[in-house]
PDB file of N, CA and C in Angstrom:
ATOM      1  N   MET A   1      64.380  75.570 103.745  1.00  0.00           N
ATOM      2  CA  MET A   1      64.043  75.937 103.089  1.00  0.00           C
ATOM      3  C   MET A   1      64.433  77.907 103.133  1.00  0.00           C
ATOM      4  N   SER A   2      65.543  78.263 103.057  1.00  0.00           N
ATOM      5  CA  SER A   2      66.038  79.456 103.221  1.00  0.00           C
ATOM      6  C   SER A   2      66.032  80.517 102.967  1.00  0.00           C
ATOM      7  N   ASP A   3      65.080  81.932 103.020  1.00  0.00           N
ATOM      8  CA  ASP A   3      64.457  82.872 102.438  1.00  0.00           C
ATOM      9  C   ASP A   3      65.705  83.939 102.543  1.00  0.00           C
ATOM     10  N   PRO A   4      65.488  84.354 100.533  1.00  0.00           N
ATOM     11  CA  PRO A   4      67.168  85.099 100.613  1.00  0.00           C
ATOM     12  C   PRO A   4      66.461  86.456 101.375  1.00  0.00           C
ATOM     13  N   THR A   5      65.427  87.023 101.441  1.00  0.00           N
ATOM     14  CA  THR A   5      65.571  88.542 102.840  1.00  0.00           C
ATOM     15  C   THR A   5      65.800  88.522 104.002  1.00  0.00           C
ATOM     16  N   SER A   6      66.035  87.315 104.166  1.00  0.00           N
ATOM     17  CA  SER A   6      66.345  86.797 106.097  1.00  0.00           C
ATOM     18  C   SER A   6      67.596  86.425 105.767  1.00  0.00           C
ATOM     19  N   SER A   7      69.104  86.761 105.095  1.00  0.00           N
ATOM     20  CA  SER A   7      70.026  86.672 104.752  1.00  0.00           C
ATOM     21  C   SER A   7      70.829  87.048 105.999  1.00  0.00           C
ATOM     22  N   SER A   8      72.430  86.851 106.165  1.00  0.00           N
ATOM     23  CA  SER A   8      73.041  86.947 107.796  1.00  0.00           C
ATOM     24  C   SER A   8      73.396  87.930 107.714  1.00  0.00           C
ATOM     25  N   THR A   9      73.797  87.969 105.901  1.00  0.00           N
ATOM     26  CA  THR A   9      75.032  89.609 105.506  1.00  0.00           C
ATOM     27  C   THR A   9      73.597  90.754 105.304  1.00  0.00           C
ATOM     28  N   PRO A  10      73.862  91.725 105.460  1.00  0.00           N
ATOM     29  CA  PRO A  10      73.566  93.097 105.477  1.00  0.00           C
ATOM     30  C   PRO A  10      73.911  93.474 103.832  1.00  0.00           C
ATOM     31  N   PRO A  11      72.836  94.093 103.009  1.00  0.00           N
ATOM     32  CA  PRO A  11      73.269  94.413 101.131  1.00  0.00           C
ATOM     33  C   PRO A  11      74.124  94.855 101.333  1.00  0.00           C
ATOM     34  N   ALA A  12      74.173  96.168 102.346  1.00  0.00           N
ATOM     35  CA  ALA A  12      75.591  96.841 102.165  1.00  0.00           C
ATOM     36  C   ALA A  12      76.934  96.342 102.041  1.00  0.00           C
ATOM     37  N   ALA A  13      77.004  94.966 103.004  1.00  0.00           N
ATOM     38  CA  ALA A  13      78.114  94.292 102.997  1.00  0.00           C
ATOM     39  C   ALA A  13      78.701  93.631 102.194  1.00  0.00           C
ATOM     40  N   THR A  14      78.430  93.318 101.041  1.00  0.00           N
ATOM     41  CA  THR A  14      78.312  92.681  99.932  1.00  0.00           C
ATOM     42  C   THR A  14      79.308  93.262  98.934  1.00  0.00           C
ATOM     43  N   ALA A  15      80.542  92.850  98.409  1.00  0.00           N
ATOM     44  CA  ALA A  15      81.335  93.416  98.013  1.00  0.00           C
ATOM     45  C   ALA A  15      81.145  94.000  96.038  1.00  0.00           C
ATOM     46  N   LEU A  16      80.840  95.248  96.009  1.00  0.00           N
ATOM     47  CA  LEU A  16      79.758  95.541  95.007  1.00  0.00           C
ATOM     48  C   LEU A  16      80.808  95.385  93.702  1.00  0.00           C
ATOM     49  N   PRO A  17      81.523  95.419  92.916  1.00  0.00           N
ATOM     50  CA  PRO A  17      82.109  96.218  91.465  1.00  0.00           C
ATOM     51  C   PRO A  17      82.042  97.507  91.244  1.00  0.00           C
ATOM     52  N   ARG A  18      82.974  98.581  91.087  1.00  0.00           N
ATOM     53  CA  ARG A  18      83.153  99.635  90.958  1.00  0.00           C
ATOM     54  C   ARG A  18      82.689  99.502  89.615  1.00  0.00           C
ATOM     55  N   THR A  19      81.387 101.230  89.829  1.00  0.00           N
ATOM     56  CA  THR A  19      80.798 101.144  88.251  1.00  0.00           C
ATOM     57  C   THR A  19      82.442 101.673  87.198  1.00  0.00           C
ATOM     58  N   ASN A  20      82.179 101.535  86.017  1.00  0.00           N
ATOM     59  CA  ASN A  20      83.140 102.379  84.531  1.00  0.00           C
ATOM     60  C   ASN A  20      83.079 103.703  85.492  1.00  0.00           C
ATOM     61  N   ARG A  21      84.436 104.144  85.182  1.00  0.00           N
ATOM     62  CA  ARG A  21      84.450 105.123  85.233  1.00  0.00           C
ATOM     63  C   ARG A  21      85.624 105.971  84.116  1.00  0.00           C
ATOM     64  N   LYS A  22      85.141 106.593  83.474  1.00  0.00           N
ATOM     65  CA  LYS A  22      85.749 107.355  82.516  1.00  0.00           C
ATOM     66  C   LYS A  22      87.537 107.768  82.697  1.00  0.00           C
ATOM     67  N   GLU A  23      87.822 107.422  81.656  1.00  0.00           N
ATOM     68  CA  GLU A  23      89.726 107.206  81.647  1.00  0.00           C
ATOM     69  C   GLU A  23      90.017 108.446  80.427  1.00  0.00           C
ATOM     70  N   ARG A  24      90.858 109.239  80.881  1.00  0.00           N
ATOM     71  CA  ARG A  24      91.608 109.525  80.043  1.00  0.00           C
ATOM     72  C   ARG A  24      92.910 109.951  80.269  1.00  0.00           C
ATOM     73  N   VAL A  25      94.263 109.835  78.703  1.00  0.00           N
ATOM     74  CA  VAL A  25      95.818 109.473  78.856  1.00  0.00           C
ATOM     75  C   VAL A  25      95.863 111.539  78.393  1.00  0.00           C
ATOM     76  N   GLY A  26      96.531 111.905  78.647  1.00  0.00           N
ATOM     77  CA  GLY A  26      97.315 113.173  78.335  1.00  0.00           C
ATOM     78  C   GLY A  26      98.102 113.937  79.151  1.00  0.00           C
ATOM     79  N   GLU A  27      98.965 114.745  78.906  1.00  0.00           N
ATOM     80  CA  GLU A  27      99.803 115.619  79.286  1.00  0.00           C
ATOM     81  C   GLU A  27     100.067 116.263  80.117  1.00  0.00           C
ATOM     82  N   VAL A  28     100.766 116.293  81.419  1.00  0.00           N
ATOM     83  CA  VAL A  28     100.684 116.838  82.171  1.00  0.00           C
ATOM     84  C   VAL A  28     100.899 118.929  81.391  1.00  0.00           C
ATOM     85  N   ILE A  29     100.603 120.012  82.109  1.00  0.00           N
ATOM     86  CA  ILE A  29     100.916 121.042  81.653  1.00  0.00           C
ATOM     87  C   ILE A  29     101.237 122.204  82.647  1.00  0.00           C
ATOM     88  N   ALA A  30     100.869 121.411  83.970  1.00  0.00           N
ATOM     89  CA  ALA A  30     101.044 122.614  85.146  1.00  0.00           C
ATOM     90  C   ALA A  30     101.491 121.285  86.354  1.00  0.00           C
ATOM     91  N   ASN A  31     102.281 121.770  87.276  1.00  0.00           N
ATOM     92  CA  ASN A  31     102.108 121.219  88.580  1.00  0.00           C
ATOM     93  C   ASN A  31     102.424 121.835  89.780  1.00  0.00           C
ATOM     94  N   LYS A  32     102.143 123.174  89.032  1.00  0.00           N
ATOM     95  CA  LYS A  32     102.719 124.709  90.149  1.00  0.00           C
ATOM     96  C   LYS A  32     101.460 124.537  91.615  1.00  0.00           C
ATOM     97  N   MET A  33     100.288 123.785  91.418  1.00  0.00           N
ATOM     98  CA  MET A  33      99.668 123.777  93.287  1.00  0.00           C
ATOM     99  C   MET A  33     100.106 123.072  93.598  1.00  0.00           C
ATOM    100  N   SER A  34      99.748 123.007  95.058  1.00  0.00           N
ATOM    101  CA  SER A  34     100.237 121.522  95.877  1.00  0.00           C
ATOM    102  C   SER A  34      98.878 119.879  95.950  1.00  0.00           C
ATOM    103  N   LYS A  35      99.366 118.869  95.142  1.00  0.00           N
ATOM    104  CA  LYS A  35      98.542 117.795  95.056  1.00  0.00           C
ATOM    105  C   LYS A  35      97.893 118.169  93.911  1.00  0.00           C
ATOM    106  N   THR A  36      97.258 119.114  93.139  1.00  0.00           N
ATOM    107  CA  THR A  36      96.812 118.899  91.924  1.00  0.00           C
ATOM    108  C   THR A  36      97.804 119.635  90.786  1.00  0.00           C
ATOM    109  N   ILE A  37      97.298 118.716  89.367  1.00  0.00           N
ATOM    110  CA  ILE A  37      98.084 118.519  88.382  1.00  0.00           C
ATOM    111  C   ILE A  37      96.746 119.036  87.014  1.00  0.00           C
ATOM    112  N   ILE A  38      97.549 119.855  86.364  1.00  0.00           N
ATOM    113  CA  ILE A  38      96.430 120.177  85.022  1.00  0.00           C
ATOM    114  C   ILE A  38      96.658 119.231  84.034  1.00  0.00           C
ATOM    115  N   VAL A  39      95.726 118.818  83.211  1.00  0.00           N
ATOM    116  CA  VAL A  39      95.872 117.427  82.445  1.00  0.00           C
ATOM    117  C   VAL A  39      95.837 118.308  80.824  1.00  0.00           C
ATOM    118  N   ARG A  40      96.270 118.426  80.234  1.00  0.00           N
ATOM    119  CA  ARG A  40      95.839 119.111  78.625  1.00  0.00           C
ATOM    120  C   ARG A  40      95.668 117.389  77.812  1.00  0.00           C
ATOM    121  N   VAL A  41      94.410 117.257  77.603  1.00  0.00           N
ATOM    122  CA  VAL A  41      93.608 115.432  76.428  1.00  0.00           C
ATOM    123  C   VAL A  41      93.834 116.361  75.402  1.00  0.00           C
ATOM    124  N   GLU A  42      93.868 115.250  74.377  1.00  0.00           N
ATOM    125  CA  GLU A  42      93.642 115.469  72.873  1.00  0.00           C
ATOM    126  C   GLU A  42      92.635 115.051  72.957  1.00  0.00           C
ATOM    127  N   ARG A  43      91.365 115.102  71.707  1.00  0.00           N
ATOM    128  CA  ARG A  43      90.592 114.720  70.890  1.00  0.00           C
ATOM    129  C   ARG A  43      90.945 115.272  69.659  1.00  0.00           C
ATOM    130  N   ARG A  44      90.400 113.880  68.507  1.00  0.00           N
ATOM    131  CA  ARG A  44      90.718 114.017  66.946  1.00  0.00           C
ATOM    132  C   ARG A  44      89.749 113.843  66.496  1.00  0.00           C
ATOM    133  N   PHE A  45      88.469 114.472  66.161  1.00  0.00           N
ATOM    134  CA  PHE A  45      87.712 113.889  65.147  1.00  0.00           C
ATOM    135  C   PHE A  45      86.754 114.653  63.950  1.00  0.00           C
ATOM    136  N   PRO A  46      86.102 114.525  63.241  1.00  0.00           N
ATOM    137  CA  PRO A  46      86.049 115.592  61.885  1.00  0.00           C
ATOM    138  C   PRO A  46      85.018 116.381  61.946  1.00  0.00           C
ATOM    139  N   HIS A  47      85.475 117.696  60.855  1.00  0.00           N
ATOM    140  CA  HIS A  47      84.713 118.644  61.594  1.00  0.00           C
ATOM    141  C   HIS A  47      83.403 118.081  61.077  1.00  0.00           C
ATOM    142  N   PRO A  48      82.234 118.549  61.842  1.00  0.00           N
ATOM    143  CA  PRO A  48      80.958 118.162  61.078  1.00  0.00           C
ATOM    144  C   PRO A  48      80.725 118.519  59.653  1.00  0.00           C
ATOM    145  N   LYS A  49      80.620 119.990  59.614  1.00  0.00           N
ATOM    146  CA  LYS A  49      80.689 120.659  58.689  1.00  0.00           C
ATOM    147  C   LYS A  49      81.105 120.008  56.661  1.00  0.00           C
ATOM    148  N   PHE A  50      82.567 119.948  57.322  1.00  0.00           N
ATOM    149  CA  PHE A  50      83.732 119.989  55.951  1.00  0.00           C
ATOM    150  C   PHE A  50      84.582 119.002  56.358  1.00  0.00           C
ATOM    151  N   LYS A  51      84.428 118.129  57.170  1.00  0.00           N
ATOM    152  CA  LYS A  51      84.470 116.252  57.495  1.00  0.00           C
ATOM    153  C   LYS A  51      86.466 115.985  57.042  1.00  0.00           C
ATOM    154  N   LYS A  52      86.918 117.373  57.817  1.00  0.00           N
ATOM    155  CA  LYS A  52      88.258 117.760  58.129  1.00  0.00           C
ATOM    156  C   LYS A  52      88.697 117.071  59.396  1.00  0.00           C
ATOM    157  N   VAL A  53      89.567 116.317  60.010  1.00  0.00           N
ATOM    158  CA  VAL A  53      90.136 116.328  60.926  1.00  0.00           C
ATOM    159  C   VAL A  53      90.736 117.355  61.848  1.00  0.00           C
ATOM    160  N   ILE A  54      90.026 117.589  62.662  1.00  0.00           N
ATOM    161  CA  ILE A  54      90.691 117.998  63.859  1.00  0.00           C
ATOM    162  C   ILE A  54      90.686 118.392  65.106  1.00  0.00           C
ATOM    163  N   THR A  55      91.765 118.711  65.514  1.00  0.00           N
ATOM    164  CA  THR A  55      92.198 118.425  67.042  1.00  0.00           C
ATOM    165  C   THR A  55      91.728 119.523  68.208  1.00  0.00           C
ATOM    166  N   GLY A  56      90.835 118.734  68.784  1.00  0.00           N
ATOM    167  CA  GLY A  56      90.563 119.420  70.011  1.00  0.00           C
ATOM    168  C   GLY A  56      91.003 119.113  71.048  1.00  0.00           C
ATOM    169  N   TYR A  57      91.242 120.481  71.854  1.00  0.00           N
ATOM    170  CA  TYR A  57      92.373 120.606  73.683  1.00  0.00           C
ATOM    171  C   TYR A  57      91.128 120.387  74.064  1.00  0.00           C
ATOM    172  N   LYS A  58      91.634 119.561  75.869  1.00  0.00           N
ATOM    173  CA  LYS A  58      90.791 120.465  76.365  1.00  0.00           C
ATOM    174  C   LYS A  58      91.190 120.186  78.108  1.00  0.00           C
ATOM    175  N   LYS A  59      90.765 120.982  78.861  1.00  0.00           N
ATOM    176  CA  LYS A  59      92.503 121.168  80.025  1.00  0.00           C
ATOM    177  C   LYS A  59      91.556 120.675  81.181  1.00  0.00           C
ATOM    178  N   PHE A  60      91.753 119.045  82.212  1.00  0.00           N
ATOM    179  CA  PHE A  60      91.543 118.390  83.804  1.00  0.00           C
ATOM    180  C   PHE A  60      92.004 118.610  84.662  1.00  0.00           C
ATOM    181  N   TYR A  61      91.572 119.359  85.898  1.00  0.00           N
ATOM    182  CA  TYR A  61      91.765 119.144  87.448  1.00  0.00           C
ATOM    183  C   TYR A  61      92.365 118.281  87.513  1.00  0.00           C
ATOM    184  N   ALA A  62      93.542 117.623  87.782  1.00  0.00           N
ATOM    185  CA  ALA A  62      93.297 116.377  88.415  1.00  0.00           C
ATOM    186  C   ALA A  62      94.238 116.317  89.797  1.00  0.00           C
ATOM    187  N   HIS A  63      93.741 115.453  90.783  1.00  0.00           N
ATOM    188  CA  HIS A  63      93.925 115.193  91.591  1.00  0.00           C
ATOM    189  C   HIS A  63      95.457 113.731  91.997  1.00  0.00           C
ATOM    190  N   ASP A  64      96.633 114.809  92.753  1.00  0.00           N
ATOM    191  CA  ASP A  64      98.220 114.112  92.186  1.00  0.00           C
ATOM    192  C   ASP A  64      98.539 113.945  93.864  1.00  0.00           C
ATOM    193  N   GLU A  65      98.034 112.590  94.834  1.00  0.00           N
ATOM    194  CA  GLU A  65      98.093 112.889  95.964  1.00  0.00           C
ATOM    195  C   GLU A  65      99.906 112.733  96.219  1.00  0.00           C
ATOM    196  N   LYS A  66     100.682 111.618  95.549  1.00  0.00           N
ATOM    197  CA  LYS A  66     102.167 111.908  96.068  1.00  0.00           C
ATOM    198  C   LYS A  66     103.217 112.796  95.092  1.00  0.00           C
ATOM    199  N   SER A  67     101.829 113.704  94.852  1.00  0.00           N
ATOM    200  CA  SER A  67     103.032 115.303  93.452  1.00  0.00           C
ATOM    201  C   SER A  67     104.228 113.764  92.786  1.00  0.00           C
ATOM    202  N   ASP A  68     103.798 113.376  92.271  1.00  0.00           N
ATOM    203  CA  ASP A  68     104.767 112.483  91.832  1.00  0.00           C
ATOM    204  C   ASP A  68     105.080 112.815  89.996  1.00  0.00           C
ATOM    205  N   ALA A  69     103.773 113.344  89.471  1.00  0.00           N
ATOM    206  CA  ALA A  69     103.791 113.912  87.762  1.00  0.00           C
ATOM    207  C   ALA A  69     103.819 114.942  87.479  1.00  0.00           C
ATOM    208  N   LYS A  70     105.346 114.793  86.612  1.00  0.00           N
ATOM    209  CA  LYS A  70     106.262 116.482  86.072  1.00  0.00           C
ATOM    210  C   LYS A  70     105.324 116.630  84.974  1.00  0.00           C
ATOM    211  N   VAL A  71     105.418 118.196  84.517  1.00  0.00           N
ATOM    212  CA  VAL A  71     105.246 118.915  84.045  1.00  0.00           C
ATOM    213  C   VAL A  71     106.202 118.042  82.249  1.00  0.00           C
ATOM    214  N   GLY A  72     105.095 117.908  80.813  1.00  0.00           N
ATOM    215  CA  GLY A  72     105.560 116.695  79.914  1.00  0.00           C
ATOM    216  C   GLY A  72     105.380 115.343  80.781  1.00  0.00           C
ATOM    217  N   ASP A  73     104.910 114.957  81.526  1.00  0.00           N
ATOM    218  CA  ASP A  73     104.359 113.492  81.825  1.00  0.00           C
ATOM    219  C   ASP A  73     103.220 113.089  80.948  1.00  0.00           C
ATOM    220  N   ARG A  74     103.266 112.021  80.052  1.00  0.00           N
ATOM    221  CA  ARG A  74     101.997 111.271  79.822  1.00  0.00           C
ATOM    222  C   ARG A  74     101.402 110.317  81.608  1.00  0.00           C
ATOM    223  N   VAL A  75     100.447 110.974  81.553  1.00  0.00           N
ATOM    224  CA  VAL A  75      99.647 110.693  82.370  1.00  0.00           C
ATOM    225  C   VAL A  75      97.872 109.865  82.226  1.00  0.00           C
ATOM    226  N   ARG A  76      97.119 108.756  83.453  1.00  0.00           N
ATOM    227  CA  ARG A  76      96.568 108.524  82.856  1.00  0.00           C
ATOM    228  C   ARG A  76      95.150 108.822  84.525  1.00  0.00           C
ATOM    229  N   ILE A  77      94.105 109.954  83.920  1.00  0.00           N
ATOM    230  CA  ILE A  77      93.283 110.454  84.873  1.00  0.00           C
ATOM    231  C   ILE A  77      91.977 109.527  84.787  1.00  0.00           C
ATOM    232  N   GLU A  78      91.120 109.300  86.135  1.00  0.00           N
ATOM    233  CA  GLU A  78      89.648 109.196  85.733  1.00  0.00           C
ATOM    234  C   GLU A  78      89.246 109.819  87.100  1.00  0.00           C
ATOM    235  N   GLU A  79      88.087 109.723  86.340  1.00  0.00           N
ATOM    236  CA  GLU A  79      86.970 110.286  86.812  1.00  0.00           C
ATOM    237  C   GLU A  79      87.035 109.981  88.180  1.00  0.00           C
ATOM    238  N   THR A  80      86.479 110.946  88.833  1.00  0.00           N
ATOM    239  CA  THR A  80      85.899 110.751  90.938  1.00  0.00           C
ATOM    240  C   THR A  80      85.275 111.391  90.853  1.00  0.00           C
ATOM    241  N   ARG A  81      84.811 111.840  92.224  1.00  0.00           N
ATOM    242  CA  ARG A  81      83.260 112.547  92.756  1.00  0.00           C
ATOM    243  C   ARG A  81      84.474 113.538  93.466  1.00  0.00           C
ATOM    244  N   PRO A  82      83.331 115.308  93.274  1.00  0.00           N
ATOM    245  CA  PRO A  82      84.148 116.540  92.994  1.00  0.00           C
ATOM    246  C   PRO A  82      85.002 116.096  94.531  1.00  0.00           C
ATOM    247  N   LEU A  83      86.343 117.574  94.211  1.00  0.00           N
ATOM    248  CA  LEU A  83      87.174 116.721  94.946  1.00  0.00           C
ATOM    249  C   LEU A  83      87.162 118.642  95.801  1.00  0.00           C
ATOM    250  N   SER A  84      86.775 119.797  95.000  1.00  0.00           N
ATOM    251  CA  SER A  84      86.791 121.228  94.886  1.00  0.00           C
ATOM    252  C   SER A  84      86.182 121.703  94.403  1.00  0.00           C
ATOM    253  N   LYS A  85      86.308 122.525  93.495  1.00  0.00           N
ATOM    254  CA  LYS A  85      85.620 123.586  92.553  1.00  0.00           C
ATOM    255  C   LYS A  85      85.667 122.995  91.459  1.00  0.00           C
ATOM    256  N   THR A  86      86.867 122.965  90.955  1.00  0.00           N
ATOM    257  CA  THR A  86      87.374 123.189  89.802  1.00  0.00           C
ATOM    258  C   THR A  86      88.237 120.869  89.589  1.00  0.00           C
ATOM    259  N   LYS A  87      87.857 120.514  90.794  1.00  0.00           N
ATOM    260  CA  LYS A  87      88.804 118.863  90.494  1.00  0.00           C
ATOM    261  C   LYS A  87      87.835 117.950  90.570  1.00  0.00           C
ATOM    262  N   ARG A  88      87.273 117.266  89.187  1.00  0.00           N
ATOM    263  CA  ARG A  88      86.878 116.199  89.711  1.00  0.00           C
ATOM    264  C   ARG A  88      87.316 114.767  88.782  1.00  0.00           C
ATOM    265  N   TRP A  89      88.731 115.036  88.508  1.00  0.00           N
ATOM    266  CA  TRP A  89      89.744 113.152  88.391  1.00  0.00           C
ATOM    267  C   TRP A  89      91.207 113.571  89.071  1.00  0.00           C
ATOM    268  N   ARG A  90      91.159 111.981  88.678  1.00  0.00           N
ATOM    269  CA  ARG A  90      92.385 111.469  90.566  1.00  0.00           C
ATOM    270  C   ARG A  90      93.296 110.652  89.310  1.00  0.00           C
ATOM    271  N   LEU A  91      95.047 111.371  89.463  1.00  0.00           N
ATOM    272  CA  LEU A  91      95.472 110.645  88.733  1.00  0.00           C
ATOM    273  C   LEU A  91      95.941 109.745  89.201  1.00  0.00           C
ATOM    274  N   VAL A  92      95.560 108.141  87.992  1.00  0.00           N
ATOM    275  CA  VAL A  92      95.619 107.059  88.079  1.00  0.00           C
ATOM    276  C   VAL A  92      96.931 105.950  88.548  1.00  0.00           C
ATOM    277  N   GLU A  93      97.663 106.900  87.070  1.00  0.00           N
ATOM    278  CA  GLU A  93      98.675 106.308  87.111  1.00  0.00           C
ATOM    279  C   GLU A  93     100.249 107.451  85.991  1.00  0.00           C
ATOM    280  N   VAL A  94     101.052 107.259  86.057  1.00  0.00           N
ATOM    281  CA  VAL A  94     102.317 107.750  85.492  1.00  0.00           C
ATOM    282  C   VAL A  94     102.636 106.938  83.950  1.00  0.00           C
ATOM    283  N   VAL A  95     101.749 107.522  82.983  1.00  0.00           N
ATOM    284  CA  VAL A  95     101.875 106.730  81.378  1.00  0.00           C
ATOM    285  C   VAL A  95     103.798 106.352  81.009  1.00  0.00           C
ATOM    286  N   GLU A  96     104.228 107.450  81.517  1.00  0.00           N
ATOM    287  CA  GLU A  96     105.002 107.906  80.279  1.00  0.00           C
ATOM    288  C   GLU A  96     105.819 109.302  80.697  1.00  0.00           C
ATOM    289  N   ARG A  97     107.322 108.870  81.320  1.00  0.00           N
ATOM    290  CA  ARG A  97     107.552 110.266  81.185  1.00  0.00           C
ATOM    291  C   ARG A  97     108.201 110.914  80.298  1.00  0.00           C
ATOM    292  N   GLY A  98     108.389 112.774  80.710  1.00  0.00           N
ATOM    293  CA  GLY A  98     108.776 113.177  79.891  1.00  0.00           C
ATOM    294  C   GLY A  98     109.988 113.529  80.197  1.00  0.00           C
ATOM    295  N   SER A  99     110.385 114.257  78.768  1.00  0.00           N
ATOM    296  CA  SER A  99     111.996 114.067  79.058  1.00  0.00           C
ATOM    297  C   SER A  99     112.335 115.922  80.079  1.00  0.00           C
ATOM    298  N   GLU A 100     112.984 115.416  80.383  1.00  0.00           N
ATOM    299  CA  GLU A 100     113.096 116.687  81.170  1.00  0.00           C
ATOM    300  C   GLU A 100     113.629 117.840  80.740  1.00  0.00           C
ATOM    301  N   VAL A 101     113.632 119.330  80.585  1.00  0.00           N
ATOM    302  CA  VAL A 101     114.152 119.650  80.548  1.00  0.00           C
ATOM    303  C   VAL A 101     113.878 121.107  80.745  1.00  0.00           C
ATOM    304  N   THR A 102     115.303 121.518  80.268  1.00  0.00           N
ATOM    305  CA  THR A 102     116.394 122.558  81.607  1.00  0.00           C
ATOM    306  C   THR A 102     116.372 124.008  81.268  1.00  0.00           C
ATOM    307  N   PRO A 103     115.486 124.755  81.549  1.00  0.00           N
ATOM    308  CA  PRO A 103     115.472 126.199  81.481  1.00  0.00           C
ATOM    309  C   PRO A 103     116.435 126.921  80.830  1.00  0.00           C
ATOM    310  N   VAL A 104     116.591 127.237  80.614  1.00  0.00           N
ATOM    311  CA  VAL A 104     117.937 127.790  79.120  1.00  0.00           C
ATOM    312  C   VAL A 104     117.857 129.467  79.881  1.00  0.00           C
ATOM    313  N   ALA A 105     119.292 129.837  81.240  1.00  0.00           N
ATOM    314  CA  ALA A 105     119.526 130.570  81.699  1.00  0.00           C
ATOM    315  C   ALA A 105     120.366 131.968  80.356  1.00  0.00           C
ATOM    316  N   ALA A 106     119.517 132.889  80.818  1.00  0.00           N
ATOM    317  CA  ALA A 106     119.924 134.540  80.120  1.00  0.00           C
ATOM    318  C   ALA A 106     120.911 135.293  80.366  1.00  0.00           C
TER     319      ALA A 106
END
């Protein structure tokens, strides 16, 4: 009869599934920093008093290791441990590439 506490593998060695992390989809509004993007996430909700549907926006700083997200792209970001003072999200994937907008020469 085997005792479950006297297992040959320590409890930390077993592969535990990662807990569910928050994910958001938003638009990249800035990528001027190295390995960091700013993502604007849209949230639609009814006004608490007047019940009219309003749109709220929030900016998230996300880690972009390969710097492959450009301004105008729609991206999926995921919650992670704090990477800096303001950065708590990381880029998972680029969902949709934005249209390449060329600035007009004055």
